[in-house]
Amino acid sequence: MSPGCATTSSTTRSYLTFTAPAGPTFSADFDAYIQPSSQLSEGADLVLMVEDRPLLTVSYTTWLVP
């Protein structure tokens, strides 16, 4: 994980907490390992929280292709 980032999790959610950037632009990358036998698609929501309030939600679905 990059400097300025902390992680916590619950049974259903993962939380990434970042230190505010010095400039006007924030950028983050996320990389995950997926078991080779996982062939089904999975849906998820990414929620940007600012001061404990949801500011933006992006819903997406992942899938594996050969």
N, C-alpha and C. Protein backbone atom coordinates (compact mmCIF):
# COMPACT_ATOMS: atom_id res chain seq x y z
N MET A 1 0.86 -1.18 0.00
CA MET A 1 0.00 0.00 0.00
C MET A 1 0.90 1.23 0.00
N SER A 2 0.43 2.26 -0.62
CA SER A 2 1.23 3.48 -0.76
C SER A 2 1.30 4.26 0.55
N PRO A 3 2.33 5.10 0.71
CA PRO A 3 2.40 5.96 1.90
C PRO A 3 1.18 6.87 1.97
N GLY A 4 0.74 7.16 3.19
CA GLY A 4 -0.43 8.02 3.34
C GLY A 4 -1.74 7.29 3.18
N CYS A 5 -1.70 5.93 3.21
CA CYS A 5 -2.91 5.14 3.05
C CYS A 5 -3.01 4.14 4.20
N ALA A 6 -4.19 4.04 4.80
CA ALA A 6 -4.44 3.05 5.85
C ALA A 6 -5.59 2.16 5.40
N THR A 7 -5.58 0.89 5.80
CA THR A 7 -6.65 -0.02 5.42
C THR A 7 -7.30 -0.63 6.65
N THR A 8 -8.60 -0.80 6.59
CA THR A 8 -9.37 -1.52 7.60
C THR A 8 -10.46 -2.28 6.86
N SER A 9 -11.10 -3.23 7.53
CA SER A 9 -12.17 -3.96 6.86
C SER A 9 -13.18 -4.46 7.87
N SER A 10 -14.38 -4.74 7.36
CA SER A 10 -15.43 -5.37 8.13
C SER A 10 -15.76 -6.67 7.41
N THR A 11 -16.84 -7.33 7.79
CA THR A 11 -17.19 -8.58 7.13
C THR A 11 -17.65 -8.39 5.69
N THR A 12 -18.12 -7.19 5.34
CA THR A 12 -18.64 -6.96 3.99
C THR A 12 -17.95 -5.83 3.25
N ARG A 13 -17.07 -5.08 3.91
CA ARG A 13 -16.47 -3.91 3.26
C ARG A 13 -14.99 -3.79 3.57
N SER A 14 -14.28 -3.18 2.63
CA SER A 14 -12.88 -2.80 2.84
C SER A 14 -12.81 -1.29 2.77
N TYR A 15 -12.02 -0.70 3.65
CA TYR A 15 -11.90 0.75 3.70
C TYR A 15 -10.45 1.14 3.44
N LEU A 16 -10.25 2.05 2.52
CA LEU A 16 -8.94 2.63 2.24
C LEU A 16 -9.03 4.09 2.63
N THR A 17 -8.20 4.53 3.55
CA THR A 17 -8.21 5.91 4.02
C THR A 17 -6.92 6.58 3.58
N PHE A 18 -7.05 7.66 2.81
CA PHE A 18 -5.89 8.35 2.25
C PHE A 18 -5.69 9.71 2.89
N THR A 19 -4.44 10.11 2.99
CA THR A 19 -4.11 11.47 3.40
C THR A 19 -4.43 12.39 2.23
N ALA A 20 -5.00 13.55 2.50
CA ALA A 20 -5.37 14.49 1.43
C ALA A 20 -4.14 14.88 0.62
N PRO A 21 -4.27 14.92 -0.71
CA PRO A 21 -3.12 15.29 -1.55
C PRO A 21 -2.77 16.76 -1.39
N ALA A 22 -1.51 17.08 -1.69
CA ALA A 22 -1.05 18.47 -1.60
C ALA A 22 -1.65 19.35 -2.70
N GLY A 23 -1.93 18.76 -3.84
CA GLY A 23 -2.47 19.53 -4.97
C GLY A 23 -3.94 19.25 -5.19
N PRO A 24 -4.49 19.71 -6.31
CA PRO A 24 -5.92 19.57 -6.58
C PRO A 24 -6.33 18.20 -7.14
N THR A 25 -5.35 17.32 -7.45
CA THR A 25 -5.66 16.05 -8.08
C THR A 25 -5.33 14.88 -7.16
N PHE A 26 -6.27 13.94 -7.04
CA PHE A 26 -6.04 12.71 -6.28
C PHE A 26 -6.11 11.54 -7.24
N SER A 27 -5.17 10.62 -7.12
CA SER A 27 -5.15 9.43 -7.96
C SER A 27 -4.78 8.23 -7.11
N ALA A 28 -5.44 7.08 -7.35
CA ALA A 28 -5.14 5.85 -6.62
C ALA A 28 -5.29 4.67 -7.56
N ASP A 29 -4.50 3.63 -7.33
CA ASP A 29 -4.59 2.38 -8.07
C ASP A 29 -4.88 1.27 -7.08
N PHE A 30 -5.61 0.26 -7.51
CA PHE A 30 -5.93 -0.88 -6.66
C PHE A 30 -5.66 -2.15 -7.45
N ASP A 31 -4.94 -3.08 -6.86
CA ASP A 31 -4.60 -4.33 -7.50
C ASP A 31 -5.06 -5.46 -6.59
N ALA A 32 -5.67 -6.49 -7.16
CA ALA A 32 -6.18 -7.60 -6.35
C ALA A 32 -5.80 -8.93 -6.99
N TYR A 33 -5.62 -9.93 -6.15
CA TYR A 33 -5.40 -11.30 -6.62
C TYR A 33 -6.74 -12.01 -6.65
N ILE A 34 -7.02 -12.68 -7.76
CA ILE A 34 -8.27 -13.42 -7.90
C ILE A 34 -7.94 -14.88 -8.11
N GLN A 35 -8.60 -15.75 -7.36
CA GLN A 35 -8.36 -17.18 -7.48
C GLN A 35 -8.61 -17.64 -8.91
N PRO A 36 -7.76 -18.50 -9.46
CA PRO A 36 -7.94 -18.98 -10.84
C PRO A 36 -9.28 -19.67 -11.08
N SER A 37 -9.88 -20.27 -10.06
CA SER A 37 -11.16 -20.97 -10.25
C SER A 37 -12.37 -20.04 -10.18
N SER A 38 -12.15 -18.76 -9.94
CA SER A 38 -13.26 -17.79 -9.84
C SER A 38 -13.64 -17.31 -11.24
N GLN A 39 -14.71 -17.86 -11.78
CA GLN A 39 -15.12 -17.51 -13.13
C GLN A 39 -16.39 -16.66 -13.17
N LEU A 40 -17.07 -16.51 -12.04
CA LEU A 40 -18.32 -15.76 -12.02
C LEU A 40 -18.04 -14.27 -11.89
N SER A 41 -18.94 -13.47 -12.42
CA SER A 41 -18.79 -12.02 -12.28
C SER A 41 -19.22 -11.60 -10.87
N GLU A 42 -18.68 -10.50 -10.42
CA GLU A 42 -19.01 -9.96 -9.10
C GLU A 42 -19.29 -8.48 -9.24
N GLY A 43 -20.34 -8.01 -8.58
CA GLY A 43 -20.66 -6.59 -8.57
C GLY A 43 -20.15 -5.95 -7.29
N ALA A 44 -19.86 -4.67 -7.36
CA ALA A 44 -19.38 -3.95 -6.18
C ALA A 44 -19.68 -2.47 -6.34
N ASP A 45 -19.57 -1.74 -5.25
CA ASP A 45 -19.71 -0.29 -5.25
C ASP A 45 -18.45 0.31 -4.65
N LEU A 46 -17.99 1.38 -5.25
CA LEU A 46 -16.89 2.17 -4.70
C LEU A 46 -17.51 3.49 -4.26
N VAL A 47 -17.33 3.85 -3.00
CA VAL A 47 -17.93 5.06 -2.46
C VAL A 47 -16.83 5.99 -1.97
N LEU A 48 -16.81 7.20 -2.49
CA LEU A 48 -15.87 8.23 -2.03
C LEU A 48 -16.53 8.95 -0.86
N MET A 49 -15.90 8.85 0.32
CA MET A 49 -16.42 9.49 1.52
C MET A 49 -15.53 10.67 1.87
N VAL A 50 -16.13 11.80 2.16
CA VAL A 50 -15.39 12.98 2.60
C VAL A 50 -16.03 13.42 3.91
N GLU A 51 -15.22 13.44 4.97
CA GLU A 51 -15.69 13.78 6.31
C GLU A 51 -16.91 12.94 6.69
N ASP A 52 -16.80 11.62 6.47
CA ASP A 52 -17.84 10.64 6.82
C ASP A 52 -19.16 10.81 6.08
N ARG A 53 -19.13 11.50 4.93
CA ARG A 53 -20.33 11.64 4.10
C ARG A 53 -20.04 11.10 2.70
N PRO A 54 -20.96 10.32 2.12
CA PRO A 54 -20.74 9.83 0.76
C PRO A 54 -20.81 10.99 -0.24
N LEU A 55 -19.76 11.11 -1.05
CA LEU A 55 -19.70 12.19 -2.04
C LEU A 55 -19.96 11.67 -3.45
N LEU A 56 -19.51 10.44 -3.72
CA LEU A 56 -19.62 9.87 -5.06
C LEU A 56 -19.69 8.36 -4.94
N THR A 57 -20.56 7.72 -5.72
CA THR A 57 -20.64 6.27 -5.76
C THR A 57 -20.50 5.80 -7.20
N VAL A 58 -19.65 4.78 -7.40
CA VAL A 58 -19.47 4.18 -8.71
C VAL A 58 -19.76 2.68 -8.55
N SER A 59 -20.72 2.17 -9.30
CA SER A 59 -21.04 0.75 -9.28
C SER A 59 -20.36 0.08 -10.47
N TYR A 60 -19.81 -1.13 -10.25
CA TYR A 60 -19.13 -1.83 -11.34
C TYR A 60 -19.25 -3.33 -11.16
N THR A 61 -18.96 -4.05 -12.24
CA THR A 61 -18.96 -5.51 -12.23
C THR A 61 -17.64 -5.99 -12.78
N THR A 62 -17.03 -6.97 -12.13
CA THR A 62 -15.79 -7.55 -12.61
C THR A 62 -16.06 -8.92 -13.23
N TRP A 63 -15.23 -9.34 -14.15
CA TRP A 63 -15.31 -10.67 -14.71
C TRP A 63 -13.94 -11.05 -15.25
N LEU A 64 -13.70 -12.33 -15.34
CA LEU A 64 -12.43 -12.85 -15.84
C LEU A 64 -12.63 -13.35 -17.25
N VAL A 65 -11.67 -13.08 -18.09
CA VAL A 65 -11.70 -13.60 -19.45
C VAL A 65 -10.39 -14.35 -19.70
N PRO A 66 -10.44 -15.34 -20.55
CA PRO A 66 -9.20 -16.10 -20.81
C PRO A 66 -8.16 -15.26 -21.51
